[in-house]
Amino acid sequence: MQKGQSPRTQQADGRARMYRAAMHSLGTVFLATALASTLCRGEALAQEAPASAQQAAQPDIKPEIVSIVVPEQGTFGGDVPMRTEVYKPAGAGPFPVLIFSHGRSGERAERAALEHPVFNGHVKYWLSKGFAVVAPIRVGYGPTGGPDREYTGAHFTRTGLCDGRPNFRNVAKAASQDLLAAVRWVREQSWADKDHVILEGRSAGGFATVATAAAHPAGVIGYINFSGGTGGAPGLSPGHSCDPEQMKEVMAEFGKTTTVPGMWLYAQNDLYWGPDMPRQWFDAFVATGSPAEFVDAGVLPGHDGHLLLTYGHKMWSIPVDRFLKQFGY
């Protein structure tokens, strides 16, 4: 421990050391220093999914802030007003809409501090396509607050073994409830093309996106899953999530009811899930004929591949451009 370091800095240094060791074990050497100096300003890794990496400064795009009510459902408690950022292209509309779903940090303080669910660069990508962007802060995060409905129950020992009892179905139910509320709200807006909605999410938000598409909400024409999953802890178990076989089962269930086209994008050096399990999850999902494409984005240089959306624009923009062309965008 270096003199004068804060506890958070010490934790980040520890994660960085674990990251470098994991990369060496994968047989990959990165020029991280040079890349980090140009790409990592203001962004950091988190335990479950990089929530802090989604909070890049928002100096030149100012969202409209709205509140979307997530209705009470069973043991989840009462109605919760969900803080949501809305970005619109120039003009009167109606605009096709992208509903973006953020990731999850394993740190309670970071979940509470989540302020911007989507970063500027990604908003600009969708605005350039003529889309409005709706980015809710799901229940249990940031200013939305409320109970932590998305706790998986996964727990890792200090040796990296998962000894918890995760319940991925409950997580999917809670997260998709929030996104379904967002879809319903979008379809009520005069500026929105209610029959041209695309869902997109990263990490836990990617998992939530797949779960929501499986509920076939009206108006949703497709979805994009970046590095989707839950139950990972790269600081303790790099490349090995908790109970990946259960995740395969859940994804297979989603595939049975998903009828809209989707795209799944993963980097090979994803320290949350490893290089192999995401493809197995996808194969289980499409086994019943659900229309989706898997994109192996390769190795994200200089970073945990879980941060593909944040740092890998050249790796994902071409396949996403291709995906959008089928809808005329």
Protein backbone atom coordinates (compact mmCIF):
# COMPACT_ATOMS: atom_id res chain seq x y z
CA MET A 1 0.00 0.00 0.00
CA GLN A 2 1.42 3.35 -0.96
CA LYS A 3 1.38 6.17 1.54
CA GLY A 4 -1.49 8.61 1.02
CA GLN A 5 -3.65 6.28 -1.09
CA SER A 6 -7.39 6.26 -0.44
CA PRO A 7 -9.12 2.90 0.17
CA ARG A 8 -10.80 3.14 -3.24
CA THR A 9 -7.43 3.75 -4.92
CA GLN A 10 -5.94 0.78 -3.07
CA GLN A 11 -8.86 -1.37 -4.26
CA ALA A 12 -8.44 -0.19 -7.85
CA ASP A 13 -4.70 -0.94 -7.68
CA GLY A 14 -5.49 -4.43 -6.43
CA ARG A 15 -7.93 -5.05 -9.24
CA ALA A 16 -5.38 -3.79 -11.73
CA ARG A 17 -2.80 -6.29 -10.45
CA MET A 18 -5.35 -9.12 -10.72
CA TYR A 19 -6.23 -7.95 -14.22
CA ARG A 20 -2.62 -8.08 -15.39
CA ALA A 21 -2.16 -11.55 -13.92
CA ALA A 22 -5.31 -12.81 -15.63
CA MET A 23 -4.24 -11.40 -18.96
CA HIS A 24 -0.90 -13.17 -18.63
CA SER A 25 -2.66 -16.45 -17.92
CA LEU A 26 -4.66 -16.01 -21.12
CA GLY A 27 -1.40 -15.68 -23.01
CA THR A 28 -2.12 -12.11 -24.15
CA VAL A 29 0.16 -9.13 -23.68
CA PHE A 30 -1.35 -5.67 -24.02
CA LEU A 31 0.13 -2.21 -24.45
CA ALA A 32 -2.20 -0.95 -21.74
CA THR A 33 -0.36 2.17 -20.71
CA ALA A 34 -0.50 3.87 -24.08
CA LEU A 35 -4.10 2.96 -24.72
CA ALA A 36 -5.26 3.84 -21.24
CA SER A 37 -3.79 7.33 -21.51
CA THR A 38 -5.98 8.09 -24.49
CA LEU A 39 -9.10 6.05 -23.77
CA CYS A 40 -9.52 5.67 -20.00
CA ARG A 41 -9.96 9.25 -18.83
CA GLY A 42 -12.50 9.35 -16.01
CA GLU A 43 -13.47 5.67 -16.23
CA ALA A 44 -12.67 2.67 -13.99
CA LEU A 45 -13.42 -1.00 -13.52
CA ALA A 46 -16.11 -2.17 -11.10
CA GLN A 47 -16.83 -5.52 -9.48
CA GLU A 48 -19.91 -6.79 -11.32
CA ALA A 49 -20.20 -4.59 -14.38
CA PRO A 50 -18.46 -1.30 -15.04
CA ALA A 51 -21.10 1.16 -13.86
CA SER A 52 -18.42 3.79 -13.33
CA ALA A 53 -17.23 3.25 -16.90
CA GLN A 54 -20.64 4.44 -18.04
CA GLN A 55 -20.41 7.75 -16.21
CA ALA A 56 -18.16 9.62 -18.60
CA ALA A 57 -18.52 13.38 -18.37
CA GLN A 58 -21.57 14.78 -20.18
CA PRO A 59 -20.34 18.26 -21.20
CA ASP A 60 -22.00 18.80 -24.57
CA ILE A 61 -25.17 16.68 -24.63
CA LYS A 62 -27.78 17.55 -22.05
CA PRO A 63 -30.55 15.01 -21.56
CA GLU A 64 -34.13 15.68 -20.66
CA ILE A 65 -34.81 14.05 -17.29
CA VAL A 66 -38.13 12.23 -16.89
CA SER A 67 -39.62 9.88 -14.34
CA ILE A 68 -41.08 6.54 -15.43
CA VAL A 69 -43.15 4.71 -12.85
CA VAL A 70 -42.24 1.06 -12.36
CA PRO A 71 -45.36 -0.57 -10.94
CA GLU A 72 -45.45 -2.73 -7.85
CA GLN A 73 -44.98 -6.42 -8.49
CA GLY A 74 -45.22 -9.05 -5.76
CA THR A 75 -42.40 -9.01 -3.23
CA PHE A 76 -40.53 -6.21 -5.02
CA GLY A 77 -42.34 -3.52 -3.03
CA GLY A 78 -44.40 -0.51 -4.12
CA ASP A 79 -44.32 1.67 -7.21
CA VAL A 80 -40.92 3.28 -7.89
CA PRO A 81 -40.36 6.42 -10.00
CA MET A 82 -37.43 5.51 -12.29
CA ARG A 83 -35.15 8.41 -13.23
CA THR A 84 -34.55 8.34 -16.98
CA GLU A 85 -32.41 10.31 -19.41
CA VAL A 86 -33.93 11.14 -22.81
CA TYR A 87 -31.94 12.37 -25.81
CA LYS A 88 -33.60 13.36 -29.09
CA PRO A 89 -32.27 14.15 -32.56
CA ALA A 90 -33.00 17.50 -34.15
CA GLY A 91 -36.47 17.77 -35.61
CA ALA A 92 -40.01 17.01 -34.59
CA GLY A 93 -40.07 13.24 -35.03
CA PRO A 94 -41.50 10.75 -34.65
CA PHE A 95 -38.13 9.08 -34.04
CA PRO A 96 -37.21 5.42 -33.72
CA VAL A 97 -36.11 4.80 -30.14
CA LEU A 98 -33.18 3.04 -28.52
CA ILE A 99 -33.77 1.98 -24.90
CA PHE A 100 -30.38 1.55 -23.24
CA SER A 101 -29.81 -0.53 -20.11
CA HIS A 102 -26.74 0.06 -17.92
CA GLY A 103 -24.57 -2.50 -16.12
CA ARG A 104 -24.24 -3.32 -12.44
CA SER A 105 -21.51 -2.66 -9.91
CA GLY A 106 -20.91 -5.12 -7.09
CA GLU A 107 -20.18 -2.17 -4.81
CA ARG A 108 -23.24 -0.70 -3.08
CA ALA A 109 -21.68 2.77 -3.01
CA GLU A 110 -21.03 2.69 -6.76
CA ARG A 111 -24.58 1.55 -7.48
CA ALA A 112 -25.88 4.44 -5.38
CA ALA A 113 -23.58 6.89 -7.16
CA LEU A 114 -24.65 5.95 -10.70
CA GLU A 115 -25.68 9.24 -12.28
CA HIS A 116 -25.38 8.84 -16.07
CA PRO A 117 -26.51 5.44 -17.37
CA VAL A 118 -25.12 5.95 -20.90
CA PHE A 119 -22.02 7.83 -22.02
CA ASN A 120 -21.91 10.66 -24.52
CA GLY A 121 -20.08 8.85 -27.30
CA HIS A 122 -22.69 6.13 -27.48
CA VAL A 123 -25.55 8.61 -27.42
CA LYS A 124 -23.95 10.40 -30.38
CA TYR A 125 -23.74 7.13 -32.32
CA TRP A 126 -27.50 6.59 -32.02
CA LEU A 127 -28.42 10.23 -32.61
CA SER A 128 -26.44 10.07 -35.85
CA LYS A 129 -28.71 7.21 -36.90
CA GLY A 130 -31.79 9.33 -36.25
CA PHE A 131 -32.72 7.52 -33.02
CA ALA A 132 -33.89 9.03 -29.78
CA VAL A 133 -32.17 7.45 -26.78
CA VAL A 134 -34.02 6.58 -23.58
CA ALA A 135 -31.71 5.49 -20.75
CA PRO A 136 -33.40 4.60 -17.47
CA ILE A 137 -31.56 4.14 -14.18
CA ARG A 138 -33.12 0.90 -13.02
CA VAL A 139 -34.59 0.33 -9.57
CA GLY A 140 -31.86 -0.07 -6.95
CA TYR A 141 -29.41 2.30 -8.63
CA GLY A 142 -28.47 5.96 -8.38
CA PRO A 143 -31.18 8.58 -7.89
CA THR A 144 -33.92 6.05 -8.70
CA GLY A 145 -33.11 4.20 -5.50
CA GLY A 146 -35.39 1.54 -4.09
CA PRO A 147 -34.59 -2.08 -3.18
CA ASP A 148 -31.73 -3.99 -4.81
CA ARG A 149 -33.97 -6.23 -6.88
CA GLU A 150 -31.08 -7.47 -9.02
CA TYR A 151 -28.96 -9.12 -6.32
CA THR A 152 -28.07 -12.55 -7.70
CA GLY A 153 -27.12 -14.35 -4.49
CA ALA A 154 -23.76 -15.27 -6.05
CA HIS A 155 -20.84 -15.32 -3.61
CA PHE A 156 -17.19 -16.07 -4.23
CA THR A 157 -14.63 -17.28 -1.71
CA ARG A 158 -11.19 -15.73 -1.52
CA THR A 159 -9.90 -18.63 -3.59
CA GLY A 160 -12.32 -17.78 -6.41
CA LEU A 161 -14.86 -20.56 -5.84
CA CYS A 162 -18.56 -19.75 -6.15
CA ASP A 163 -20.34 -21.03 -3.07
CA GLY A 164 -23.51 -18.93 -3.29
CA ARG A 165 -26.91 -19.88 -4.67
CA PRO A 166 -27.60 -17.44 -7.50
CA ASN A 167 -31.11 -16.97 -8.81
CA PHE A 168 -30.78 -15.56 -12.31
CA ARG A 169 -34.48 -15.92 -13.10
CA ASN A 170 -35.42 -13.52 -10.30
CA VAL A 171 -32.83 -11.03 -11.52
CA ALA A 172 -34.20 -11.23 -15.06
CA LYS A 173 -37.76 -10.75 -13.80
CA ALA A 174 -36.86 -7.65 -11.81
CA ALA A 175 -34.70 -5.99 -14.47
CA SER A 176 -37.11 -6.69 -17.33
CA GLN A 177 -39.95 -5.20 -15.28
CA ASP A 178 -38.09 -1.88 -15.36
CA LEU A 179 -37.41 -2.06 -19.10
CA LEU A 180 -40.98 -3.08 -19.91
CA ALA A 181 -42.16 0.02 -18.04
CA ALA A 182 -39.79 2.07 -20.21
CA VAL A 183 -41.15 0.49 -23.40
CA ARG A 184 -44.73 1.28 -22.38
CA TRP A 185 -43.77 4.88 -21.58
CA VAL A 186 -42.00 5.34 -24.93
CA ARG A 187 -45.03 4.12 -26.84
CA GLU A 188 -47.13 6.87 -25.19
CA GLN A 189 -44.85 9.71 -26.38
CA SER A 190 -45.87 11.78 -29.41
CA TRP A 191 -42.23 12.22 -30.51
CA ALA A 192 -41.58 8.44 -30.56
CA ASP A 193 -42.21 6.00 -33.39
CA LYS A 194 -43.97 3.52 -31.13
CA ASP A 195 -43.50 0.62 -33.56
CA HIS A 196 -39.74 1.04 -34.01
CA VAL A 197 -38.07 0.45 -30.64
CA ILE A 198 -34.72 -1.29 -30.23
CA LEU A 199 -33.41 -2.53 -26.88
CA GLU A 200 -29.72 -2.45 -26.01
CA GLY A 201 -27.78 -3.19 -22.84
CA ARG A 202 -24.37 -4.00 -21.47
CA SER A 203 -23.36 -6.64 -18.90
CA ALA A 204 -26.26 -7.01 -16.43
CA GLY A 205 -28.13 -4.60 -18.70
CA GLY A 206 -27.43 -6.92 -21.64
CA PHE A 207 -28.91 -9.80 -19.66
CA ALA A 208 -31.91 -7.60 -18.84
CA THR A 209 -32.25 -6.73 -22.53
CA VAL A 210 -32.36 -10.39 -23.58
CA ALA A 211 -34.93 -11.10 -20.86
CA THR A 212 -37.09 -8.18 -21.98
CA ALA A 213 -36.96 -9.15 -25.65
CA ALA A 214 -38.15 -12.62 -24.60
CA ALA A 215 -41.32 -11.01 -23.20
CA HIS A 216 -42.02 -9.77 -26.79
CA PRO A 217 -43.27 -6.28 -25.82
CA ALA A 218 -45.27 -4.40 -28.43
CA GLY A 219 -43.21 -2.05 -30.58
CA VAL A 220 -39.83 -3.73 -30.03
CA ILE A 221 -38.32 -4.76 -33.37
CA GLY A 222 -34.87 -5.95 -32.24
CA TYR A 223 -32.28 -5.95 -29.48
CA ILE A 224 -28.50 -5.77 -28.97
CA ASN A 225 -26.69 -7.53 -26.13
CA PHE A 226 -23.21 -6.27 -25.23
CA SER A 227 -21.29 -8.62 -22.91
CA GLY A 228 -24.54 -9.70 -21.27
CA GLY A 229 -24.69 -11.79 -18.12
CA THR A 230 -24.61 -11.55 -14.34
CA GLY A 231 -22.82 -13.29 -11.48
CA GLY A 232 -19.23 -12.42 -12.39
CA ALA A 233 -16.41 -11.16 -10.14
CA PRO A 234 -13.15 -10.81 -12.08
CA GLY A 235 -11.24 -9.61 -9.04
CA LEU A 236 -11.83 -13.00 -7.38
CA SER A 237 -12.52 -15.35 -10.28
CA PRO A 238 -11.31 -13.87 -13.59
CA GLY A 239 -12.90 -15.56 -16.59
CA HIS A 240 -15.25 -17.75 -14.52
CA SER A 241 -18.70 -16.55 -13.48
CA CYS A 242 -20.88 -18.12 -10.81
CA ASP A 243 -23.04 -21.03 -12.03
CA PRO A 244 -22.67 -20.47 -15.80
CA GLU A 245 -24.68 -23.65 -16.44
CA GLN A 246 -27.72 -22.07 -14.80
CA MET A 247 -27.23 -19.05 -17.06
CA LYS A 248 -27.24 -21.40 -20.05
CA GLU A 249 -30.57 -22.84 -18.89
CA VAL A 250 -32.09 -19.38 -18.43
CA MET A 251 -30.90 -18.22 -21.85
CA ALA A 252 -32.39 -21.36 -23.41
CA GLU A 253 -35.74 -20.47 -21.82
CA PHE A 254 -35.55 -16.93 -23.22
CA GLY A 255 -34.82 -18.31 -26.69
CA LYS A 256 -38.12 -20.20 -26.73
CA THR A 257 -40.16 -16.99 -26.62
CA THR A 258 -37.97 -14.46 -28.46
CA THR A 259 -39.14 -13.75 -31.99
CA VAL A 260 -37.40 -10.45 -32.85
CA PRO A 261 -33.85 -10.45 -34.28
CA GLY A 262 -30.95 -9.86 -31.94
CA MET A 263 -27.19 -9.39 -31.93
CA TRP A 264 -24.90 -10.68 -29.15
CA LEU A 265 -21.43 -9.14 -28.96
CA TYR A 266 -18.62 -10.44 -26.70
CA ALA A 267 -14.87 -10.00 -26.58
CA GLN A 268 -12.66 -13.05 -26.09
CA ASN A 269 -10.84 -11.55 -23.11
CA ASP A 270 -14.00 -10.84 -21.08
CA LEU A 271 -12.91 -11.38 -17.47
CA TYR A 272 -16.48 -11.73 -16.21
CA TRP A 273 -17.51 -14.71 -18.34
CA GLY A 274 -14.37 -15.98 -20.07
CA PRO A 275 -13.95 -16.74 -23.79
CA ASP A 276 -16.19 -19.82 -24.07
CA MET A 277 -19.37 -19.55 -21.96
CA PRO A 278 -21.02 -16.64 -23.83
CA ARG A 279 -21.04 -18.72 -27.02
CA GLN A 280 -22.57 -21.64 -25.12
CA TRP A 281 -25.26 -19.36 -23.73
CA PHE A 282 -25.98 -18.10 -27.23
CA ASP A 283 -26.10 -21.60 -28.73
CA ALA A 284 -28.62 -22.64 -26.06
CA PHE A 285 -30.66 -19.52 -26.81
CA VAL A 286 -30.91 -20.09 -30.58
CA ALA A 287 -31.39 -23.86 -30.36
CA THR A 288 -35.16 -23.44 -30.71
CA GLY A 289 -34.84 -21.17 -33.74
CA SER A 290 -34.79 -17.69 -32.22
CA PRO A 291 -33.28 -15.27 -34.79
CA ALA A 292 -30.00 -13.92 -33.45
CA GLU A 293 -26.37 -13.43 -34.49
CA PHE A 294 -23.29 -13.95 -32.32
CA VAL A 295 -20.37 -11.58 -32.89
CA ASP A 296 -16.98 -12.71 -31.60
CA ALA A 297 -15.32 -9.31 -31.38
CA GLY A 298 -11.87 -10.76 -30.72
CA VAL A 299 -9.51 -9.41 -28.05
CA LEU A 300 -10.06 -5.87 -26.75
CA PRO A 301 -6.48 -4.56 -26.47
CA GLY A 302 -5.42 -2.99 -23.21
CA HIS A 303 -8.66 -3.61 -21.31
CA ASP A 304 -10.88 -6.26 -19.84
CA GLY A 305 -12.95 -7.34 -22.84
CA HIS A 306 -16.06 -6.81 -20.75
CA LEU A 307 -15.61 -3.12 -21.58
CA LEU A 308 -16.16 -3.77 -25.29
CA LEU A 309 -18.92 -1.18 -25.62
CA THR A 310 -16.87 1.52 -23.91
CA TYR A 311 -13.53 1.11 -25.68
CA GLY A 312 -14.14 -1.07 -28.72
CA HIS A 313 -16.05 1.20 -31.10
CA LYS A 314 -14.18 -0.03 -34.18
CA MET A 315 -14.82 -3.62 -33.11
CA TRP A 316 -18.59 -3.31 -32.70
CA SER A 317 -19.78 -0.44 -34.92
CA ILE A 318 -19.47 -2.34 -38.21
CA PRO A 319 -21.59 -5.35 -37.11
CA VAL A 320 -24.12 -3.07 -35.40
CA ASP A 321 -24.35 -0.93 -38.54
CA ARG A 322 -25.06 -4.13 -40.46
CA PHE A 323 -27.67 -5.21 -37.92
CA LEU A 324 -29.52 -1.91 -38.22
CA LYS A 325 -29.67 -2.04 -42.02
CA GLN A 326 -32.26 -4.82 -41.88
CA PHE A 327 -34.62 -2.28 -40.29
CA GLY A 328 -33.78 0.43 -42.81
CA TYR A 329 -31.39 2.47 -40.61
